[in-house]
Amino acid sequence: MSGQPVPSATYAQPRDLNEVFKRVGQQMTALDRFMHEQVASFEPEIRSMAAYCLETSGKRLRPTLVFISGWQGETVVNPDLVRAAGVVEMVHLATLVHDDIMDSADIRRNRRTAAREFGPDAAVLLGDALFSQALHIASQFPTTEVCRLVSASTRQVCSGEIMQTLRRRDTTVSMADYYRVIDLKTAELFRVSCLLGARMAGYTPAFATAANDFGRHLGIAYQIYDDLVDFLGEEKNIGKTLGTDLASGKLTLPLMLLLEKLPAAERAEVIEALHGGRPLPLAVSVERMRALGIADGVVRAIEQELSAASAALAPHAGLAPVPMMRQLCDVLRSQVTGLYAPSVAK
């Protein structure tokens, strides 16, 4: 690719992520095929376990970011983008396997988690195997750039998870600490997905930098949204175990804002429960969130990041990826509204 602007088709505004995914349908089909092929790389004894993780049909948001940031047209399937998308998705799947162990989660993507299916001891090693295979694929690119970027991102994702784990039930965590953790554990893979997409499609270094910044802000916004989902979402709609943040004592933005606004007696009760390792009843916390208007502050924080993500793309409005990248922000806004509006009405 020369990095010159590529004319993009005109699309109707997507209403949800499924409509975004349809636009990258050919790329996703290629990715599905690639992920299936990876199962054979694992030892025969664990291939069924690897397939259980690799062949699940999840959101695949990070591969979508690779494809959209390197958008060259609906019918253009770039093999390098497919492989890069496979790498970041495999790293993400590995982190999910480990997260579910630590959170004692039973459901992921509407079925049993790997930890529940195979046991936590086998699952933690399965996650390690997925990490290793991802880096093996990254090392096969002609240059070291992909391996260097993905390995550094993997380290940062793990660092963010370690930081969050060590600070469970710690009510002294600051807002800066919270943003630092989600920047590492979630936004990092969003960032590197967008950077890889733009770089490997041959776009200019300036646009690659903008895509990098876009991905970081979108990733922070998405994690804050996910933290809100843990309070307000419905498990049957989300497809995963909810309430795990409260049960495991993670101080997320909704809980931090709740603690700020609770009367002293209630706040002391919540802190005592957190310190003592006693999970709070989810319904009680949701009720207090609604009564105190906590979701308003969370939604404002999400919007601030989405605005920053869109602003990063402003100098590159003529490039084909930009409209679709901005639409991702609009879709997330719609998801926030769909989650938040019912809570306002109750």
Protein backbone atom coordinates (compact mmCIF):
# COMPACT_ATOMS: atom_id res chain seq x y z
CA MET A 1 0.00 0.00 0.00
CA SER A 2 1.17 3.51 -0.74
CA GLY A 3 -0.54 5.07 2.25
CA GLN A 4 -2.68 7.26 -0.03
CA PRO A 5 -6.36 7.86 0.79
CA VAL A 6 -8.60 5.00 -0.27
CA PRO A 7 -12.16 5.87 -1.30
CA SER A 8 -14.64 4.36 1.11
CA ALA A 9 -18.19 3.26 0.47
CA THR A 10 -21.06 5.12 2.07
CA TYR A 11 -22.72 3.15 4.83
CA ALA A 12 -25.75 3.73 6.99
CA GLN A 13 -24.96 4.54 10.60
CA PRO A 14 -24.55 1.21 12.46
CA ARG A 15 -26.84 0.65 15.44
CA ASP A 16 -24.76 -1.99 17.19
CA LEU A 17 -21.50 -3.90 16.98
CA ASN A 18 -23.09 -6.68 14.94
CA GLU A 19 -23.63 -4.25 12.07
CA VAL A 20 -20.00 -3.15 12.30
CA PHE A 21 -18.90 -6.78 12.24
CA LYS A 22 -20.94 -7.41 9.07
CA ARG A 23 -18.85 -4.82 7.24
CA VAL A 24 -15.69 -6.78 7.99
CA GLY A 25 -17.42 -10.08 7.20
CA GLN A 26 -14.92 -11.27 4.60
CA GLN A 27 -12.01 -10.41 6.86
CA MET A 28 -13.67 -12.20 9.78
CA THR A 29 -14.26 -15.30 7.66
CA ALA A 30 -10.54 -15.35 6.88
CA LEU A 31 -9.78 -14.88 10.58
CA ASP A 32 -12.08 -17.77 11.55
CA ARG A 33 -10.24 -19.99 9.10
CA PHE A 34 -6.88 -18.83 10.45
CA MET A 35 -7.87 -19.48 14.08
CA HIS A 36 -9.14 -22.94 13.20
CA GLU A 37 -5.83 -23.72 11.50
CA GLN A 38 -3.95 -22.82 14.68
CA VAL A 39 -5.52 -25.68 16.61
CA ALA A 40 -3.28 -28.15 14.75
CA SER A 41 -0.20 -26.34 16.11
CA PHE A 42 -0.98 -27.52 19.63
CA GLU A 43 -0.02 -30.94 20.94
CA PRO A 44 -2.64 -33.62 20.15
CA GLU A 45 -3.45 -34.11 23.83
CA ILE A 46 -4.69 -30.53 24.28
CA ARG A 47 -6.05 -29.69 20.83
CA SER A 48 -9.65 -30.02 21.95
CA MET A 49 -8.93 -27.60 24.81
CA ALA A 50 -7.28 -25.11 22.46
CA ALA A 51 -10.20 -25.43 20.05
CA TYR A 52 -12.62 -24.74 22.91
CA CYS A 53 -10.99 -21.31 23.32
CA LEU A 54 -9.94 -20.46 19.76
CA GLU A 55 -13.10 -21.45 17.94
CA THR A 56 -15.59 -19.64 20.16
CA SER A 57 -17.70 -16.94 18.55
CA GLY A 58 -17.11 -13.87 20.69
CA LYS A 59 -17.23 -10.18 19.88
CA ARG A 60 -13.73 -10.19 18.38
CA LEU A 61 -13.56 -6.45 18.84
CA ARG A 62 -9.76 -6.29 18.78
CA PRO A 63 -9.46 -8.03 15.39
CA THR A 64 -12.16 -5.67 14.15
CA LEU A 65 -9.95 -2.77 15.19
CA VAL A 66 -7.06 -4.24 13.20
CA PHE A 67 -9.25 -4.60 10.09
CA ILE A 68 -10.91 -1.20 10.38
CA SER A 69 -7.70 0.73 11.13
CA GLY A 70 -6.13 -0.90 8.07
CA TRP A 71 -9.28 -0.64 5.96
CA GLN A 72 -8.59 -0.95 2.24
CA GLY A 73 -12.06 -1.83 1.00
CA GLU A 74 -14.76 -4.33 1.82
CA THR A 75 -13.47 -7.01 -0.55
CA VAL A 76 -9.78 -6.57 0.28
CA VAL A 77 -8.56 -9.29 2.64
CA ASN A 78 -4.95 -8.55 3.57
CA PRO A 79 -3.25 -11.76 4.83
CA ASP A 80 -0.92 -9.78 7.08
CA LEU A 81 -3.86 -8.05 8.74
CA VAL A 82 -5.56 -11.40 9.24
CA ARG A 83 -2.49 -12.85 10.94
CA ALA A 84 -2.01 -9.75 13.08
CA ALA A 85 -5.67 -9.87 14.07
CA GLY A 86 -5.23 -13.54 14.99
CA VAL A 87 -2.27 -12.70 17.20
CA VAL A 88 -4.05 -10.00 19.20
CA GLU A 89 -7.19 -12.13 19.51
CA MET A 90 -5.17 -15.06 20.82
CA VAL A 91 -3.48 -12.86 23.41
CA HIS A 92 -6.89 -11.54 24.42
CA LEU A 93 -8.32 -15.06 24.72
CA ALA A 94 -5.42 -16.05 26.94
CA THR A 95 -6.10 -13.12 29.26
CA LEU A 96 -9.78 -14.09 29.44
CA VAL A 97 -8.88 -17.64 30.48
CA HIS A 98 -6.75 -16.25 33.30
CA ASP A 99 -9.28 -13.57 34.27
CA ASP A 100 -12.04 -16.14 34.65
CA ILE A 101 -9.88 -18.21 36.96
CA MET A 102 -9.14 -15.24 39.20
CA ASP A 103 -12.76 -14.06 39.16
CA SER A 104 -14.21 -17.56 39.67
CA ALA A 105 -16.46 -16.83 36.69
CA ASP A 106 -18.64 -19.66 35.37
CA ILE A 107 -19.92 -18.20 32.09
CA ARG A 108 -18.07 -16.59 29.20
CA ARG A 109 -19.61 -16.03 25.77
CA ASN A 110 -22.76 -17.86 26.83
CA ARG A 111 -21.01 -21.09 27.79
CA ARG A 112 -18.83 -22.52 30.54
CA THR A 113 -15.47 -20.84 31.02
CA ALA A 114 -12.31 -22.84 30.37
CA ALA A 115 -11.68 -22.91 34.12
CA ARG A 116 -15.11 -24.39 34.70
CA GLU A 117 -14.79 -26.83 31.79
CA PHE A 118 -11.25 -28.10 32.43
CA GLY A 119 -10.51 -27.02 35.99
CA PRO A 120 -8.44 -23.99 37.08
CA ASP A 121 -5.08 -25.80 37.14
CA ALA A 122 -5.33 -26.94 33.52
CA ALA A 123 -6.90 -23.64 32.46
CA VAL A 124 -4.03 -21.48 33.72
CA LEU A 125 -1.58 -23.57 31.70
CA LEU A 126 -3.90 -23.43 28.69
CA GLY A 127 -3.82 -19.65 28.91
CA ASP A 128 -0.01 -19.80 28.95
CA ALA A 129 -0.06 -22.01 25.86
CA LEU A 130 -2.28 -19.51 24.03
CA PHE A 131 0.09 -16.66 24.92
CA SER A 132 3.04 -18.68 23.61
CA GLN A 133 1.33 -19.54 20.33
CA ALA A 134 0.39 -15.90 19.76
CA LEU A 135 4.01 -14.80 20.12
CA HIS A 136 5.15 -17.69 17.91
CA ILE A 137 2.88 -16.45 15.11
CA ALA A 138 4.06 -12.87 15.65
CA SER A 139 7.68 -14.00 15.31
CA GLN A 140 6.97 -15.34 11.80
CA PHE A 141 6.42 -11.92 10.22
CA PRO A 142 9.31 -10.77 7.98
CA THR A 143 10.26 -7.99 10.43
CA THR A 144 10.44 -8.01 14.21
CA GLU A 145 7.93 -5.14 14.53
CA VAL A 146 4.83 -7.25 15.16
CA CYS A 147 6.56 -9.51 17.67
CA ARG A 148 8.11 -6.51 19.43
CA LEU A 149 4.83 -4.61 19.69
CA VAL A 150 2.70 -7.59 20.71
CA SER A 151 5.17 -8.97 23.26
CA ALA A 152 5.46 -5.53 24.90
CA SER A 153 1.67 -5.20 24.93
CA THR A 154 1.28 -8.68 26.43
CA ARG A 155 3.65 -7.76 29.24
CA GLN A 156 1.73 -4.57 29.92
CA VAL A 157 -1.63 -6.36 29.92
CA CYS A 158 -0.30 -8.86 32.45
CA SER A 159 1.19 -6.02 34.51
CA GLY A 160 -2.18 -4.29 34.64
CA GLU A 161 -3.86 -7.49 35.79
CA ILE A 162 -1.20 -8.01 38.47
CA MET A 163 -1.66 -4.45 39.73
CA GLN A 164 -5.42 -4.90 39.93
CA THR A 165 -5.05 -8.26 41.68
CA LEU A 166 -2.69 -6.86 44.32
CA ARG A 167 -5.06 -3.96 44.99
CA ARG A 168 -8.22 -5.97 45.47
CA ARG A 169 -10.19 -4.80 48.50
CA ASP A 170 -7.87 -1.79 48.77
CA THR A 171 -10.13 1.21 49.26
CA THR A 172 -7.22 3.67 49.06
CA VAL A 173 -6.84 3.17 45.29
CA SER A 174 -6.83 6.59 43.62
CA MET A 175 -8.54 7.60 40.41
CA ALA A 176 -5.10 7.85 38.78
CA ASP A 177 -4.37 4.26 39.88
CA TYR A 178 -7.65 3.07 38.37
CA TYR A 179 -6.97 4.73 35.02
CA ARG A 180 -3.42 3.38 34.99
CA VAL A 181 -4.69 -0.18 35.46
CA ILE A 182 -7.33 -0.03 32.74
CA ASP A 183 -4.88 1.69 30.40
CA LEU A 184 -2.60 -1.33 30.77
CA LYS A 185 -5.00 -4.24 31.03
CA THR A 186 -7.56 -3.21 28.38
CA ALA A 187 -6.59 -0.13 26.39
CA GLU A 188 -3.17 -1.55 25.56
CA LEU A 189 -4.54 -4.25 23.23
CA PHE A 190 -6.98 -1.78 21.67
CA ARG A 191 -4.07 0.56 21.04
CA VAL A 192 -1.76 -2.02 19.50
CA SER A 193 -4.60 -3.43 17.36
CA CYS A 194 -5.22 -0.03 15.79
CA LEU A 195 -1.52 0.68 15.40
CA LEU A 196 -0.86 -2.66 13.70
CA GLY A 197 -3.82 -2.22 11.36
CA ALA A 198 -2.67 1.19 10.17
CA ARG A 199 1.00 0.22 9.94
CA MET A 200 0.52 -3.05 8.09
CA ALA A 201 -1.92 -1.54 5.61
CA GLY A 202 0.77 0.97 4.62
CA TYR A 203 -0.81 4.16 5.91
CA THR A 204 1.38 7.10 6.86
CA PRO A 205 3.25 7.23 10.19
CA ALA A 206 1.10 10.23 11.15
CA PHE A 207 -2.09 8.23 10.71
CA ALA A 208 -0.58 5.23 12.52
CA THR A 209 0.09 7.53 15.50
CA ALA A 210 -3.47 8.85 15.35
CA ALA A 211 -4.83 5.29 15.19
CA ASN A 212 -2.65 4.41 18.16
CA ASP A 213 -4.14 7.29 20.20
CA PHE A 214 -7.66 6.49 19.02
CA GLY A 215 -7.32 2.89 20.15
CA ARG A 216 -6.04 3.86 23.58
CA HIS A 217 -8.93 6.24 24.30
CA LEU A 218 -11.50 3.82 22.88
CA GLY A 219 -10.06 1.04 25.04
CA ILE A 220 -10.31 3.12 28.21
CA ALA A 221 -13.90 4.05 27.34
CA TYR A 222 -14.76 0.41 26.66
CA GLN A 223 -13.34 -0.77 30.00
CA ILE A 224 -15.26 1.88 31.93
CA TYR A 225 -18.39 0.75 30.06
CA ASP A 226 -17.59 -2.86 30.94
CA ASP A 227 -17.23 -1.88 34.59
CA LEU A 228 -20.66 -0.26 34.44
CA VAL A 229 -22.08 -3.41 32.82
CA ASP A 230 -20.93 -5.39 35.85
CA PHE A 231 -23.37 -3.32 37.91
CA LEU A 232 -26.25 -2.64 35.55
CA GLY A 233 -26.14 -5.34 32.87
CA GLU A 234 -28.33 -8.41 32.62
CA GLU A 235 -26.37 -11.65 32.50
CA LYS A 236 -28.61 -13.28 29.90
CA ASN A 237 -27.99 -10.36 27.53
CA ILE A 238 -24.27 -9.90 28.20
CA GLY A 239 -23.35 -13.58 27.98
CA LYS A 240 -20.92 -13.70 30.91
CA THR A 241 -20.96 -13.87 34.69
CA LEU A 242 -21.73 -10.44 36.17
CA GLY A 243 -21.04 -9.08 39.63
CA THR A 244 -17.52 -10.54 39.69
CA ASP A 245 -15.94 -7.11 40.28
CA LEU A 246 -17.91 -6.67 43.48
CA ALA A 247 -17.41 -10.26 44.59
CA SER A 248 -13.64 -10.13 44.05
CA GLY A 249 -13.22 -6.68 45.59
CA LYS A 250 -12.08 -4.80 42.47
CA LEU A 251 -12.38 -1.04 42.87
CA THR A 252 -13.81 0.04 39.52
CA LEU A 253 -15.04 3.51 38.66
CA PRO A 254 -18.71 2.84 39.56
CA LEU A 255 -17.73 1.50 42.99
CA MET A 256 -15.25 4.33 43.59
CA LEU A 257 -17.89 6.96 42.79
CA LEU A 258 -20.39 5.09 44.94
CA LEU A 259 -18.03 5.18 47.92
CA GLU A 260 -17.52 8.92 47.42
CA LYS A 261 -21.25 9.63 47.62
CA LEU A 262 -22.42 7.18 50.27
CA PRO A 263 -23.26 8.56 53.71
CA ALA A 264 -20.47 7.90 56.23
CA ALA A 265 -22.21 4.97 57.94
CA GLU A 266 -22.98 3.16 54.69
CA ARG A 267 -19.52 3.86 53.35
CA ALA A 268 -17.95 2.34 56.46
CA GLU A 269 -20.15 -0.73 56.06
CA VAL A 270 -19.08 -1.22 52.43
CA ILE A 271 -15.39 -0.74 53.28
CA GLU A 272 -15.65 -3.22 56.14
CA ALA A 273 -17.23 -5.78 53.82
CA LEU A 274 -14.51 -5.24 51.20
CA HIS A 275 -11.69 -5.50 53.74
CA GLY A 276 -13.23 -8.61 55.23
CA GLY A 277 -13.59 -10.32 51.88
CA ARG A 278 -17.35 -10.44 52.14
CA PRO A 279 -19.06 -9.86 48.76
CA LEU A 280 -21.72 -7.17 48.69
CA PRO A 281 -25.18 -8.13 47.43
CA LEU A 282 -25.27 -6.90 43.84
CA ALA A 283 -28.89 -5.72 44.03
CA VAL A 284 -28.20 -3.51 47.03
CA SER A 285 -25.27 -1.78 45.32
CA VAL A 286 -27.24 -1.27 42.13
CA GLU A 287 -30.08 0.30 44.07
CA ARG A 288 -27.72 2.72 45.79
CA MET A 289 -26.05 3.57 42.47
CA ARG A 290 -29.40 4.51 41.00
CA ALA A 291 -30.45 6.50 44.04
CA LEU A 292 -27.20 8.48 44.09
CA GLY A 293 -26.90 9.00 40.32
CA ILE A 294 -23.55 7.20 40.09
CA ALA A 295 -24.11 6.17 36.47
CA ASP A 296 -24.15 9.85 35.43
CA GLY A 297 -20.52 10.25 36.45
CA VAL A 298 -19.51 7.00 34.76
CA VAL A 299 -21.22 8.01 31.51
CA ARG A 300 -19.42 11.38 31.55
CA ALA A 301 -16.08 9.60 31.92
CA ILE A 302 -16.89 7.36 28.95
CA GLU A 303 -17.89 10.32 26.79
CA GLN A 304 -14.66 12.17 27.62
CA GLU A 305 -12.61 9.25 26.28
CA LEU A 306 -14.78 8.80 23.18
CA SER A 307 -14.46 12.50 22.35
CA ALA A 308 -10.67 12.25 22.69
CA ALA A 309 -10.66 9.17 20.43
CA SER A 310 -12.58 10.98 17.69
CA ALA A 311 -10.40 14.10 18.04
CA ALA A 312 -7.26 12.05 17.39
CA LEU A 313 -8.60 11.19 13.92
CA ALA A 314 -9.58 14.75 12.93
CA PRO A 315 -6.46 15.51 10.80
CA HIS A 316 -7.02 12.34 8.76
CA ALA A 317 -10.69 12.64 7.86
CA GLY A 318 -10.00 11.84 4.19
CA LEU A 319 -8.68 8.35 4.86
CA ALA A 320 -10.93 5.33 4.36
CA PRO A 321 -10.60 3.89 7.89
CA VAL A 322 -11.67 7.07 9.69
CA PRO A 323 -15.47 7.01 9.17
CA MET A 324 -15.70 3.43 10.39
CA MET A 325 -13.43 4.12 13.36
CA ARG A 326 -15.60 7.05 14.39
CA GLN A 327 -18.69 4.89 14.01
CA LEU A 328 -17.25 2.54 16.61
CA CYS A 329 -17.41 5.45 19.06
CA ASP A 330 -21.03 6.06 18.13
CA VAL A 331 -21.89 2.39 18.59
CA LEU A 332 -20.36 2.38 22.07
CA ARG A 333 -22.34 5.51 22.91
CA SER A 334 -25.49 3.67 21.85
CA GLN A 335 -24.59 0.69 24.03
CA VAL A 336 -24.03 2.98 27.00
CA THR A 337 -27.40 4.61 26.41
CA GLY A 338 -29.11 1.23 26.13
CA LEU A 339 -27.56 0.11 29.41
CA TYR A 340 -27.98 3.40 31.24
CA ALA A 341 -31.41 4.55 30.12
CA PRO A 342 -33.33 1.67 31.72
CA SER A 343 -31.61 2.35 35.04
CA VAL A 344 -32.73 5.98 34.90
CA ALA A 345 -36.32 4.99 34.38
CA LYS A 346 -36.43 2.61 37.33
